[in-house]
N, C-alpha and C. Protein backbone atom coordinates (compact mmCIF):
# COMPACT_ATOMS: atom_id res chain seq x y z
N MET A 1 -10.93 24.09 -25.73
CA MET A 1 -10.46 24.69 -24.48
C MET A 1 -11.44 24.36 -23.35
N PHE A 2 -10.90 23.92 -22.25
CA PHE A 2 -11.72 23.50 -21.11
C PHE A 2 -11.62 24.53 -20.00
N SER A 3 -12.75 24.88 -19.39
CA SER A 3 -12.72 25.85 -18.30
C SER A 3 -13.59 25.36 -17.16
N LEU A 4 -12.98 25.15 -16.00
CA LEU A 4 -13.74 24.72 -14.83
C LEU A 4 -14.70 25.82 -14.41
N GLN A 5 -14.28 27.09 -14.56
CA GLN A 5 -15.16 28.20 -14.21
C GLN A 5 -16.41 28.20 -15.08
N ARG A 6 -16.24 27.88 -16.36
CA ARG A 6 -17.40 27.83 -17.25
C ARG A 6 -18.36 26.76 -16.79
N LEU A 7 -17.82 25.61 -16.40
CA LEU A 7 -18.66 24.49 -15.97
C LEU A 7 -19.41 24.80 -14.68
N LEU A 8 -18.78 25.52 -13.77
CA LEU A 8 -19.38 25.78 -12.48
C LEU A 8 -20.15 27.10 -12.44
N GLY A 9 -20.22 27.79 -13.58
CA GLY A 9 -20.91 29.06 -13.60
C GLY A 9 -19.95 30.18 -13.21
N LYS A 10 -20.50 31.31 -12.80
CA LYS A 10 -19.66 32.46 -12.49
C LYS A 10 -18.90 32.27 -11.18
N GLU A 11 -19.43 31.46 -10.28
CA GLU A 11 -18.75 31.24 -9.01
C GLU A 11 -17.59 30.28 -9.19
N ASP A 12 -16.49 30.56 -8.52
CA ASP A 12 -15.35 29.66 -8.61
C ASP A 12 -15.00 29.11 -7.24
N LYS A 13 -15.98 29.04 -6.34
CA LYS A 13 -15.70 28.60 -4.98
C LYS A 13 -15.20 27.17 -4.93
N PHE A 14 -15.71 26.32 -5.81
CA PHE A 14 -15.25 24.94 -5.79
C PHE A 14 -13.79 24.84 -6.20
N PHE A 15 -13.42 25.61 -7.22
CA PHE A 15 -12.03 25.58 -7.62
C PHE A 15 -11.13 26.14 -6.53
N ASP A 16 -11.55 27.22 -5.89
CA ASP A 16 -10.77 27.79 -4.78
C ASP A 16 -10.50 26.72 -3.72
N LEU A 17 -11.52 25.95 -3.40
CA LEU A 17 -11.39 24.92 -2.38
C LEU A 17 -10.49 23.78 -2.85
N LEU A 18 -10.64 23.36 -4.09
CA LEU A 18 -9.81 22.27 -4.60
C LEU A 18 -8.34 22.67 -4.68
N GLU A 19 -8.09 23.91 -5.09
CA GLU A 19 -6.71 24.38 -5.14
C GLU A 19 -6.12 24.47 -3.73
N ALA A 20 -6.92 24.93 -2.78
CA ALA A 20 -6.45 25.00 -1.40
C ALA A 20 -6.13 23.60 -0.88
N ALA A 21 -6.94 22.62 -1.26
CA ALA A 21 -6.70 21.24 -0.84
C ALA A 21 -5.39 20.71 -1.44
N ALA A 22 -5.15 21.03 -2.71
CA ALA A 22 -3.91 20.60 -3.36
C ALA A 22 -2.69 21.25 -2.70
N ARG A 23 -2.84 22.48 -2.27
CA ARG A 23 -1.72 23.16 -1.59
C ARG A 23 -1.44 22.52 -0.23
N GLU A 24 -2.47 22.09 0.47
CA GLU A 24 -2.25 21.41 1.75
C GLU A 24 -1.52 20.08 1.53
N ALA A 25 -1.89 19.39 0.46
CA ALA A 25 -1.21 18.13 0.13
C ALA A 25 0.26 18.39 -0.16
N GLN A 26 0.53 19.43 -0.94
CA GLN A 26 1.91 19.79 -1.26
C GLN A 26 2.69 20.18 -0.01
N LYS A 27 2.04 20.95 0.85
CA LYS A 27 2.68 21.39 2.09
C LYS A 27 3.07 20.20 2.96
N SER A 28 2.20 19.21 3.03
CA SER A 28 2.49 18.01 3.81
C SER A 28 3.69 17.26 3.25
N ALA A 29 3.76 17.17 1.93
CA ALA A 29 4.87 16.45 1.29
C ALA A 29 6.20 17.10 1.63
N TYR A 30 6.26 18.42 1.55
CA TYR A 30 7.51 19.10 1.84
C TYR A 30 7.81 19.15 3.33
N ALA A 31 6.78 19.09 4.15
CA ALA A 31 7.00 18.98 5.60
C ALA A 31 7.66 17.64 5.92
N LEU A 32 7.29 16.60 5.18
CA LEU A 32 7.90 15.28 5.40
C LEU A 32 9.38 15.31 5.02
N THR A 33 9.73 16.04 3.97
CA THR A 33 11.13 16.17 3.59
C THR A 33 11.94 16.78 4.72
N LYS A 34 11.44 17.85 5.31
CA LYS A 34 12.12 18.49 6.45
C LYS A 34 12.16 17.55 7.65
N PHE A 35 11.09 16.84 7.86
CA PHE A 35 10.96 15.92 8.99
C PHE A 35 12.05 14.84 8.97
N LEU A 36 12.43 14.43 7.77
CA LEU A 36 13.39 13.34 7.62
C LEU A 36 14.84 13.82 7.50
N GLU A 37 15.05 15.12 7.44
CA GLU A 37 16.39 15.64 7.21
C GLU A 37 17.36 15.30 8.34
N ASP A 38 16.91 15.43 9.58
CA ASP A 38 17.79 15.21 10.73
C ASP A 38 17.12 14.27 11.72
N PRO A 39 17.48 12.99 11.67
CA PRO A 39 16.83 12.00 12.55
C PRO A 39 17.01 12.32 14.04
N GLN A 40 18.05 13.06 14.39
CA GLN A 40 18.32 13.33 15.79
C GLN A 40 17.53 14.52 16.33
N GLN A 41 17.03 15.33 15.44
CA GLN A 41 16.32 16.54 15.86
C GLN A 41 14.96 16.18 16.46
N ALA A 42 14.58 16.89 17.53
CA ALA A 42 13.27 16.66 18.14
C ALA A 42 12.17 17.00 17.14
N LYS A 43 11.17 16.14 17.05
CA LYS A 43 10.13 16.32 16.03
C LYS A 43 8.74 16.20 16.66
N THR A 44 7.79 16.85 16.01
CA THR A 44 6.39 16.71 16.41
C THR A 44 5.56 16.49 15.15
N LEU A 45 4.31 16.13 15.37
CA LEU A 45 3.38 15.94 14.25
C LEU A 45 2.56 17.19 13.96
N ASP A 46 2.87 18.29 14.64
CA ASP A 46 2.02 19.48 14.58
C ASP A 46 1.75 19.94 13.15
N GLU A 47 2.81 20.05 12.34
CA GLU A 47 2.64 20.56 10.98
C GLU A 47 1.76 19.64 10.15
N PHE A 48 1.91 18.34 10.34
CA PHE A 48 1.11 17.38 9.58
C PHE A 48 -0.35 17.41 10.04
N ILE A 49 -0.56 17.55 11.34
CA ILE A 49 -1.92 17.60 11.88
C ILE A 49 -2.65 18.82 11.36
N VAL A 50 -1.95 19.96 11.32
CA VAL A 50 -2.57 21.20 10.82
C VAL A 50 -3.02 21.03 9.37
N SER A 51 -2.15 20.45 8.53
CA SER A 51 -2.51 20.25 7.12
C SER A 51 -3.66 19.28 6.96
N ARG A 52 -3.61 18.18 7.71
CA ARG A 52 -4.68 17.18 7.58
C ARG A 52 -6.01 17.74 8.04
N ARG A 53 -6.01 18.53 9.14
CA ARG A 53 -7.26 19.14 9.62
C ARG A 53 -7.78 20.19 8.64
N ALA A 54 -6.85 20.95 8.07
CA ALA A 54 -7.26 21.95 7.07
C ALA A 54 -7.89 21.26 5.87
N GLU A 55 -7.28 20.15 5.46
CA GLU A 55 -7.81 19.39 4.33
C GLU A 55 -9.20 18.85 4.66
N LYS A 56 -9.39 18.37 5.88
CA LYS A 56 -10.70 17.84 6.28
C LYS A 56 -11.75 18.94 6.27
N ARG A 57 -11.37 20.13 6.71
CA ARG A 57 -12.33 21.26 6.67
C ARG A 57 -12.73 21.59 5.24
N ILE A 58 -11.76 21.49 4.32
CA ILE A 58 -12.05 21.76 2.92
C ILE A 58 -13.03 20.73 2.37
N VAL A 59 -12.80 19.46 2.69
CA VAL A 59 -13.71 18.40 2.24
C VAL A 59 -15.12 18.66 2.76
N ASP A 60 -15.23 19.02 4.03
CA ASP A 60 -16.54 19.28 4.62
C ASP A 60 -17.21 20.50 3.97
N THR A 61 -16.40 21.53 3.69
CA THR A 61 -16.94 22.74 3.06
C THR A 61 -17.45 22.44 1.65
N ILE A 62 -16.70 21.61 0.91
CA ILE A 62 -17.14 21.23 -0.43
C ILE A 62 -18.45 20.45 -0.36
N SER A 63 -18.56 19.53 0.57
CA SER A 63 -19.79 18.75 0.73
C SER A 63 -20.98 19.65 1.04
N GLU A 64 -20.76 20.61 1.93
CA GLU A 64 -21.82 21.55 2.29
C GLU A 64 -22.21 22.42 1.11
N ALA A 65 -21.20 22.90 0.37
CA ALA A 65 -21.47 23.76 -0.79
C ALA A 65 -22.24 23.01 -1.87
N LEU A 66 -21.93 21.74 -2.04
CA LEU A 66 -22.65 20.95 -3.04
C LEU A 66 -24.12 20.79 -2.67
N CYS A 67 -24.39 20.79 -1.36
CA CYS A 67 -25.79 20.66 -0.91
C CYS A 67 -26.58 21.93 -1.15
N THR A 68 -25.90 23.07 -1.23
CA THR A 68 -26.61 24.35 -1.39
C THR A 68 -26.47 24.93 -2.79
N THR A 69 -25.69 24.28 -3.65
CA THR A 69 -25.54 24.72 -5.03
C THR A 69 -26.37 23.78 -5.89
N PHE A 70 -27.42 24.31 -6.49
CA PHE A 70 -28.39 23.44 -7.15
C PHE A 70 -28.03 23.08 -8.60
N VAL A 71 -27.29 23.96 -9.27
CA VAL A 71 -26.97 23.70 -10.66
C VAL A 71 -25.46 23.76 -10.86
N THR A 72 -24.89 22.64 -11.26
CA THR A 72 -23.47 22.60 -11.64
C THR A 72 -23.37 21.74 -12.89
N ALA A 73 -22.72 22.28 -13.91
CA ALA A 73 -22.54 21.49 -15.12
C ALA A 73 -21.56 20.34 -14.87
N LEU A 74 -20.63 20.56 -13.95
CA LEU A 74 -19.71 19.49 -13.56
C LEU A 74 -20.41 18.56 -12.58
N GLU A 75 -20.28 17.28 -12.80
CA GLU A 75 -20.98 16.33 -11.95
C GLU A 75 -20.49 16.42 -10.51
N ARG A 76 -21.43 16.40 -9.59
CA ARG A 76 -21.11 16.51 -8.17
C ARG A 76 -20.18 15.38 -7.72
N GLU A 77 -20.40 14.21 -8.30
CA GLU A 77 -19.58 13.06 -7.92
C GLU A 77 -18.11 13.30 -8.25
N ASP A 78 -17.85 14.04 -9.32
CA ASP A 78 -16.46 14.32 -9.71
C ASP A 78 -15.80 15.28 -8.72
N ILE A 79 -16.54 16.30 -8.30
CA ILE A 79 -16.00 17.24 -7.32
C ILE A 79 -15.69 16.51 -6.02
N GLU A 80 -16.63 15.68 -5.59
CA GLU A 80 -16.43 14.93 -4.34
C GLU A 80 -15.27 13.95 -4.46
N ALA A 81 -15.16 13.29 -5.61
CA ALA A 81 -14.09 12.31 -5.80
C ALA A 81 -12.72 12.98 -5.74
N LEU A 82 -12.61 14.17 -6.35
CA LEU A 82 -11.33 14.87 -6.34
C LEU A 82 -10.98 15.38 -4.95
N SER A 83 -11.96 15.93 -4.24
CA SER A 83 -11.69 16.43 -2.88
C SER A 83 -11.28 15.29 -1.95
N LEU A 84 -11.90 14.13 -2.12
CA LEU A 84 -11.55 12.98 -1.28
C LEU A 84 -10.15 12.46 -1.62
N ALA A 85 -9.83 12.41 -2.91
CA ALA A 85 -8.50 11.96 -3.33
C ALA A 85 -7.42 12.88 -2.77
N LEU A 86 -7.68 14.18 -2.76
CA LEU A 86 -6.71 15.14 -2.23
C LEU A 86 -6.57 15.00 -0.72
N TYR A 87 -7.68 14.76 -0.03
CA TYR A 87 -7.64 14.61 1.43
C TYR A 87 -6.77 13.43 1.87
N LYS A 88 -6.78 12.37 1.08
CA LYS A 88 -6.04 11.17 1.46
C LYS A 88 -4.53 11.37 1.43
N ILE A 89 -4.05 12.40 0.71
CA ILE A 89 -2.61 12.62 0.62
C ILE A 89 -2.03 13.08 1.96
N PRO A 90 -2.47 14.22 2.54
CA PRO A 90 -1.90 14.60 3.84
C PRO A 90 -2.25 13.62 4.96
N LYS A 91 -3.38 12.95 4.83
CA LYS A 91 -3.75 11.97 5.85
C LYS A 91 -2.74 10.83 5.88
N THR A 92 -2.33 10.35 4.72
CA THR A 92 -1.35 9.26 4.65
C THR A 92 0.04 9.75 5.06
N ILE A 93 0.40 10.97 4.67
CA ILE A 93 1.70 11.53 5.05
C ILE A 93 1.80 11.67 6.56
N GLU A 94 0.73 12.11 7.20
CA GLU A 94 0.74 12.22 8.65
C GLU A 94 0.97 10.84 9.29
N LYS A 95 0.39 9.82 8.69
CA LYS A 95 0.55 8.47 9.22
C LYS A 95 2.02 8.03 9.13
N ILE A 96 2.71 8.41 8.04
CA ILE A 96 4.12 8.07 7.89
C ILE A 96 4.94 8.71 9.01
N ALA A 97 4.72 10.01 9.22
CA ALA A 97 5.45 10.72 10.28
C ALA A 97 5.13 10.14 11.65
N GLU A 98 3.90 9.77 11.84
CA GLU A 98 3.48 9.18 13.11
C GLU A 98 4.21 7.87 13.37
N ARG A 99 4.33 7.04 12.34
CA ARG A 99 5.03 5.77 12.48
C ARG A 99 6.51 6.00 12.82
N ILE A 100 7.12 6.96 12.13
CA ILE A 100 8.54 7.22 12.35
C ILE A 100 8.79 7.68 13.78
N LEU A 101 7.89 8.49 14.32
CA LEU A 101 8.06 8.98 15.68
C LEU A 101 7.98 7.84 16.71
N ILE A 102 7.30 6.77 16.36
CA ILE A 102 7.19 5.64 17.29
C ILE A 102 8.56 5.02 17.56
N ALA A 103 9.36 4.88 16.50
CA ALA A 103 10.68 4.23 16.65
C ALA A 103 11.66 4.86 15.67
N PRO A 104 12.05 6.11 15.90
CA PRO A 104 12.92 6.81 14.94
C PRO A 104 14.27 6.16 14.74
N GLN A 105 14.71 5.34 15.70
CA GLN A 105 16.02 4.69 15.58
C GLN A 105 16.07 3.76 14.38
N HIS A 106 14.92 3.27 13.94
CA HIS A 106 14.92 2.32 12.83
C HIS A 106 15.06 2.98 11.46
N VAL A 107 14.93 4.30 11.39
CA VAL A 107 15.12 4.98 10.10
C VAL A 107 16.48 5.67 10.00
N GLU A 108 17.26 5.60 11.06
CA GLU A 108 18.61 6.14 11.00
C GLU A 108 19.43 5.36 9.98
N ASN A 109 20.16 6.11 9.15
CA ASN A 109 20.99 5.52 8.10
C ASN A 109 20.18 4.78 7.03
N VAL A 110 18.88 5.06 6.97
CA VAL A 110 18.02 4.50 5.92
C VAL A 110 17.71 5.60 4.92
N THR A 111 17.95 5.34 3.66
CA THR A 111 17.74 6.35 2.62
C THR A 111 16.31 6.30 2.10
N LEU A 112 15.56 7.35 2.41
CA LEU A 112 14.19 7.46 1.93
C LEU A 112 14.05 8.59 0.91
N GLY A 113 15.19 9.19 0.56
CA GLY A 113 15.18 10.38 -0.28
C GLY A 113 14.48 10.22 -1.60
N ARG A 114 14.72 9.09 -2.30
CA ARG A 114 14.14 8.92 -3.63
C ARG A 114 12.62 8.90 -3.56
N GLN A 115 12.07 8.21 -2.56
CA GLN A 115 10.62 8.15 -2.43
C GLN A 115 10.04 9.51 -2.04
N VAL A 116 10.73 10.21 -1.14
CA VAL A 116 10.22 11.50 -0.68
C VAL A 116 10.30 12.55 -1.80
N VAL A 117 11.37 12.53 -2.57
CA VAL A 117 11.49 13.45 -3.71
C VAL A 117 10.38 13.18 -4.72
N SER A 118 10.12 11.91 -4.99
CA SER A 118 9.03 11.55 -5.92
C SER A 118 7.69 12.06 -5.42
N LEU A 119 7.48 11.97 -4.12
CA LEU A 119 6.24 12.45 -3.53
C LEU A 119 6.10 13.96 -3.72
N GLY A 120 7.19 14.70 -3.47
CA GLY A 120 7.14 16.14 -3.66
C GLY A 120 6.80 16.51 -5.10
N LYS A 121 7.43 15.82 -6.05
CA LYS A 121 7.15 16.09 -7.47
C LYS A 121 5.70 15.77 -7.81
N ALA A 122 5.19 14.69 -7.25
CA ALA A 122 3.81 14.28 -7.53
C ALA A 122 2.81 15.32 -7.03
N THR A 123 3.03 15.86 -5.83
CA THR A 123 2.10 16.88 -5.31
C THR A 123 2.22 18.17 -6.11
N ASP A 124 3.43 18.47 -6.60
CA ASP A 124 3.60 19.66 -7.45
C ASP A 124 2.74 19.53 -8.71
N ILE A 125 2.77 18.34 -9.31
CA ILE A 125 2.03 18.13 -10.55
C ILE A 125 0.52 18.18 -10.32
N VAL A 126 0.06 17.60 -9.22
CA VAL A 126 -1.37 17.63 -8.91
C VAL A 126 -1.85 19.08 -8.76
N LEU A 127 -1.08 19.89 -8.06
CA LEU A 127 -1.45 21.30 -7.91
C LEU A 127 -1.46 22.00 -9.26
N LEU A 128 -0.47 21.73 -10.08
CA LEU A 128 -0.40 22.35 -11.41
C LEU A 128 -1.59 21.95 -12.26
N MET A 129 -2.00 20.70 -12.18
CA MET A 129 -3.15 20.23 -12.96
C MET A 129 -4.42 20.98 -12.58
N ILE A 130 -4.61 21.19 -11.28
CA ILE A 130 -5.81 21.92 -10.83
C ILE A 130 -5.73 23.38 -11.26
N GLN A 131 -4.55 23.98 -11.19
CA GLN A 131 -4.39 25.36 -11.63
C GLN A 131 -4.67 25.50 -13.12
N ASP A 132 -4.23 24.51 -13.89
CA ASP A 132 -4.48 24.54 -15.33
C ASP A 132 -5.96 24.39 -15.65
N LEU A 133 -6.68 23.64 -14.83
CA LEU A 133 -8.12 23.52 -15.03
C LEU A 133 -8.78 24.88 -14.89
N ARG A 134 -8.34 25.64 -13.92
CA ARG A 134 -8.95 26.95 -13.68
C ARG A 134 -8.67 27.90 -14.85
N LYS A 135 -7.45 27.89 -15.33
CA LYS A 135 -7.08 28.79 -16.41
C LYS A 135 -7.79 28.40 -17.71
N GLY A 136 -8.11 27.13 -17.82
CA GLY A 136 -8.64 26.62 -19.07
C GLY A 136 -7.47 26.08 -19.87
N THR A 137 -7.46 24.83 -20.12
CA THR A 137 -6.31 24.24 -20.80
C THR A 137 -6.76 23.13 -21.74
N HIS A 138 -5.88 22.75 -22.62
CA HIS A 138 -6.19 21.70 -23.57
C HIS A 138 -6.05 20.33 -22.92
N LEU A 139 -6.82 19.41 -23.44
CA LEU A 139 -6.77 18.03 -22.96
C LEU A 139 -5.35 17.48 -23.01
N GLU A 140 -4.62 17.85 -24.07
CA GLU A 140 -3.28 17.31 -24.24
C GLU A 140 -2.35 17.69 -23.08
N ARG A 141 -2.50 18.91 -22.56
CA ARG A 141 -1.63 19.34 -21.47
C ARG A 141 -1.94 18.56 -20.19
N ILE A 142 -3.23 18.40 -19.90
CA ILE A 142 -3.60 17.63 -18.71
C ILE A 142 -3.14 16.19 -18.84
N LYS A 143 -3.29 15.63 -20.04
CA LYS A 143 -2.86 14.25 -20.26
C LYS A 143 -1.34 14.13 -20.08
N GLU A 144 -0.59 15.12 -20.56
CA GLU A 144 0.86 15.10 -20.40
C GLU A 144 1.26 15.12 -18.93
N GLN A 145 0.57 15.95 -18.15
CA GLN A 145 0.86 16.01 -16.71
C GLN A 145 0.49 14.71 -16.02
N ASN A 146 -0.65 14.16 -16.43
CA ASN A 146 -1.09 12.90 -15.83
C ASN A 146 -0.12 11.76 -16.18
N ASP A 147 0.41 11.80 -17.38
CA ASP A 147 1.41 10.80 -17.78
C ASP A 147 2.65 10.90 -16.89
N LYS A 148 3.04 12.13 -16.52
CA LYS A 148 4.18 12.31 -15.63
C LYS A 148 3.91 11.68 -14.26
N LEU A 149 2.68 11.81 -13.80
CA LEU A 149 2.32 11.18 -12.53
C LEU A 149 2.43 9.66 -12.62
N GLN A 150 2.01 9.11 -13.76
CA GLN A 150 2.11 7.66 -13.95
C GLN A 150 3.57 7.21 -13.92
N VAL A 151 4.45 8.02 -14.52
CA VAL A 151 5.88 7.69 -14.53
C VAL A 151 6.44 7.72 -13.11
N ILE A 152 6.07 8.76 -12.35
CA ILE A 152 6.52 8.87 -10.96
C ILE A 152 6.04 7.69 -10.14
N GLU A 153 4.78 7.30 -10.35
CA GLU A 153 4.23 6.16 -9.61
C GLU A 153 4.96 4.87 -9.99
N GLY A 154 5.28 4.72 -11.27
CA GLY A 154 6.02 3.54 -11.71
C GLY A 154 7.42 3.50 -11.10
N GLU A 155 8.06 4.66 -11.02
CA GLU A 155 9.38 4.74 -10.40
C GLU A 155 9.30 4.40 -8.92
N ALA A 156 8.23 4.85 -8.26
CA ALA A 156 8.04 4.52 -6.84
C ALA A 156 7.92 3.02 -6.64
N ASP A 157 7.27 2.34 -7.57
CA ASP A 157 7.15 0.88 -7.50
C ASP A 157 8.53 0.22 -7.61
N ARG A 158 9.35 0.74 -8.52
CA ARG A 158 10.69 0.16 -8.69
C ARG A 158 11.55 0.39 -7.45
N VAL A 159 11.42 1.59 -6.88
CA VAL A 159 12.24 1.93 -5.70
C VAL A 159 11.87 1.04 -4.53
N ILE A 160 10.57 0.83 -4.30
CA ILE A 160 10.19 0.00 -3.15
C ILE A 160 10.68 -1.43 -3.34
N ASN A 161 10.72 -1.93 -4.57
CA ASN A 161 11.23 -3.27 -4.80
C ASN A 161 12.72 -3.36 -4.45
N GLU A 162 13.46 -2.31 -4.78
CA GLU A 162 14.89 -2.27 -4.42
C GLU A 162 15.06 -2.23 -2.91
N LEU A 163 14.27 -1.40 -2.25
CA LEU A 163 14.36 -1.27 -0.80
C LEU A 163 13.98 -2.58 -0.10
N LEU A 164 12.94 -3.23 -0.61
CA LEU A 164 12.53 -4.50 0.00
C LEU A 164 13.56 -5.59 -0.23
N ARG A 165 14.21 -5.56 -1.38
CA ARG A 165 15.25 -6.56 -1.66
C ARG A 165 16.36 -6.46 -0.63
N ASP A 166 16.77 -5.23 -0.31
CA ASP A 166 17.79 -5.05 0.72
C ASP A 166 17.25 -5.43 2.10
N LEU A 167 15.99 -5.08 2.33
CA LEU A 167 15.40 -5.34 3.64
C LEU A 167 15.33 -6.83 3.94
N TYR A 168 15.11 -7.63 2.90
CA TYR A 168 14.99 -9.07 3.07
C TYR A 168 16.31 -9.81 2.88
N SER A 169 17.40 -9.06 2.86
CA SER A 169 18.71 -9.68 2.61
C SER A 169 19.22 -10.48 3.79
N GLY A 170 18.61 -10.32 4.96
CA GLY A 170 19.05 -11.04 6.14
C GLY A 170 19.99 -10.26 7.02
N SER A 171 20.29 -9.00 6.63
CA SER A 171 21.24 -8.19 7.40
C SER A 171 20.55 -7.27 8.40
N HIS A 172 19.23 -7.37 8.49
CA HIS A 172 18.48 -6.50 9.39
C HIS A 172 17.73 -7.35 10.42
N SER A 173 17.48 -6.76 11.58
CA SER A 173 16.73 -7.47 12.61
C SER A 173 15.28 -7.60 12.19
N PRO A 174 14.59 -8.63 12.66
CA PRO A 174 13.18 -8.83 12.29
C PRO A 174 12.30 -7.61 12.59
N ILE A 175 12.52 -6.95 13.74
CA ILE A 175 11.68 -5.81 14.09
C ILE A 175 11.91 -4.65 13.15
N LYS A 176 13.17 -4.48 12.72
CA LYS A 176 13.47 -3.40 11.77
C LYS A 176 12.85 -3.71 10.41
N VAL A 177 12.86 -4.96 10.01
CA VAL A 177 12.25 -5.34 8.74
C VAL A 177 10.76 -5.01 8.74
N VAL A 178 10.07 -5.37 9.81
CA VAL A 178 8.63 -5.10 9.90
C VAL A 178 8.36 -3.60 9.90
N PHE A 179 9.15 -2.86 10.68
CA PHE A 179 8.95 -1.42 10.79
C PHE A 179 9.19 -0.71 9.46
N LEU A 180 10.32 -1.00 8.82
CA LEU A 180 10.65 -0.31 7.58
C LEU A 180 9.73 -0.71 6.43
N LYS A 181 9.31 -1.96 6.41
CA LYS A 181 8.37 -2.40 5.37
C LYS A 181 7.10 -1.55 5.43
N ASP A 182 6.62 -1.27 6.63
CA ASP A 182 5.44 -0.43 6.80
C ASP A 182 5.69 0.98 6.26
N ILE A 183 6.85 1.55 6.59
CA ILE A 183 7.19 2.90 6.11
C ILE A 183 7.29 2.93 4.59
N PHE A 184 8.01 1.96 4.03
CA PHE A 184 8.18 1.91 2.57
C PHE A 184 6.82 1.83 1.86
N GLU A 185 5.95 0.98 2.38
CA GLU A 185 4.65 0.79 1.72
C GLU A 185 3.76 2.01 1.85
N LEU A 186 3.84 2.71 2.98
CA LEU A 186 3.07 3.94 3.14
C LEU A 186 3.57 5.02 2.18
N LEU A 187 4.88 5.10 2.00
CA LEU A 187 5.44 6.08 1.05
C LEU A 187 4.98 5.77 -0.37
N GLU A 188 4.95 4.49 -0.71
CA GLU A 188 4.45 4.12 -2.03
C GLU A 188 2.97 4.45 -2.16
N LYS A 189 2.22 4.19 -1.10
CA LYS A 189 0.78 4.43 -1.12
C LYS A 189 0.45 5.90 -1.34
N VAL A 190 1.21 6.80 -0.69
CA VAL A 190 0.88 8.22 -0.82
C VAL A 190 1.18 8.74 -2.23
N VAL A 191 2.19 8.16 -2.89
CA VAL A 191 2.41 8.49 -4.31
C VAL A 191 1.23 7.99 -5.14
N ASP A 192 0.71 6.81 -4.78
CA ASP A 192 -0.49 6.29 -5.45
C ASP A 192 -1.67 7.23 -5.26
N ARG A 193 -1.77 7.85 -4.07
CA ARG A 193 -2.86 8.81 -3.82
C ARG A 193 -2.77 9.99 -4.78
N CYS A 194 -1.55 10.45 -5.02
CA CYS A 194 -1.36 11.55 -5.97
C CYS A 194 -1.77 11.12 -7.38
N ARG A 195 -1.38 9.91 -7.75
CA ARG A 195 -1.78 9.39 -9.06
C ARG A 195 -3.30 9.31 -9.16
N ASP A 196 -3.96 8.89 -8.09
CA ASP A 196 -5.42 8.80 -8.09
C ASP A 196 -6.05 10.16 -8.32
N ALA A 197 -5.51 11.20 -7.66
CA ALA A 197 -6.03 12.56 -7.85
C ALA A 197 -5.85 13.00 -9.30
N GLY A 198 -4.68 12.68 -9.86
CA GLY A 198 -4.44 13.02 -11.26
C GLY A 198 -5.40 12.31 -12.19
N ASN A 199 -5.70 11.06 -11.90
CA ASN A 199 -6.65 10.31 -12.73
C ASN A 199 -8.04 10.92 -12.67
N VAL A 200 -8.45 11.41 -11.50
CA VAL A 200 -9.76 12.05 -11.38
C VAL A 200 -9.79 13.32 -12.23
N ILE A 201 -8.73 14.13 -12.16
CA ILE A 201 -8.68 15.36 -12.96
C ILE A 201 -8.72 15.02 -14.45
N ASN A 202 -7.96 14.03 -14.83
CA ASN A 202 -7.94 13.61 -16.23
C ASN A 202 -9.32 13.14 -16.68
N HIS A 203 -10.00 12.41 -15.81
CA HIS A 203 -11.35 11.91 -16.10
C HIS A 203 -12.33 13.08 -16.27
N ILE A 204 -12.21 14.10 -15.40
CA ILE A 204 -13.09 15.25 -15.48
C ILE A 204 -12.94 15.97 -16.82
N ILE A 205 -11.70 16.22 -17.21
CA ILE A 205 -11.51 16.99 -18.45
C ILE A 205 -11.87 16.17 -19.67
N LEU A 206 -11.69 14.85 -19.60
CA LEU A 206 -12.10 13.99 -20.72
C LEU A 206 -13.62 14.07 -20.93
N LYS A 207 -14.36 14.09 -19.83
CA LYS A 207 -15.82 14.12 -19.94
C LYS A 207 -16.34 15.48 -20.38
N ASN A 208 -15.56 16.54 -20.14
CA ASN A 208 -16.09 17.89 -20.37
C ASN A 208 -15.34 18.67 -21.44
N SER A 209 -14.47 17.99 -22.19
CA SER A 209 -13.73 18.69 -23.24
C SER A 209 -14.49 18.61 -24.56
């Protein structure tokens, strides 16, 4: 049985911060779903900016706490690696929304649902993995969750290939091809960010189980 609290001593401040970071990542993913629901509706980046800034504050707080916490059984590099992996999720999602706001006409009648649903599922799993670390869980459960992330990431790769095949069919204007290719690749990248976070968690429990 693995317990992050046992590794960090009686204080669970690092876990509190990591879970908060995972929740911000999840919040950003679901904000993107709402953002894409109605292309005609007026949109802002406010919700994404709030999550990304909150995530940055968490990263900074973790760095500061590591400087003042002298003994941790869990390697400091692992805590930093996980906090950084989590930060990259809302940061990339904000970039997607930012791109769409530049030229929203190019995403009208474009189906991004499969990629966005995959992203939501991936952030759900990352949060669950961190929650399971706190409760104390078996290596097998974390590995099972991490395997699900790998499947989601593999599906995201297949989806982008399908989308690119249509994009390069010759039925779209050059500017739309360039614009949508950027969006598709960013959506794939943010799923990769979730996979990276899962790999860090899996690495942590492997070393400490």
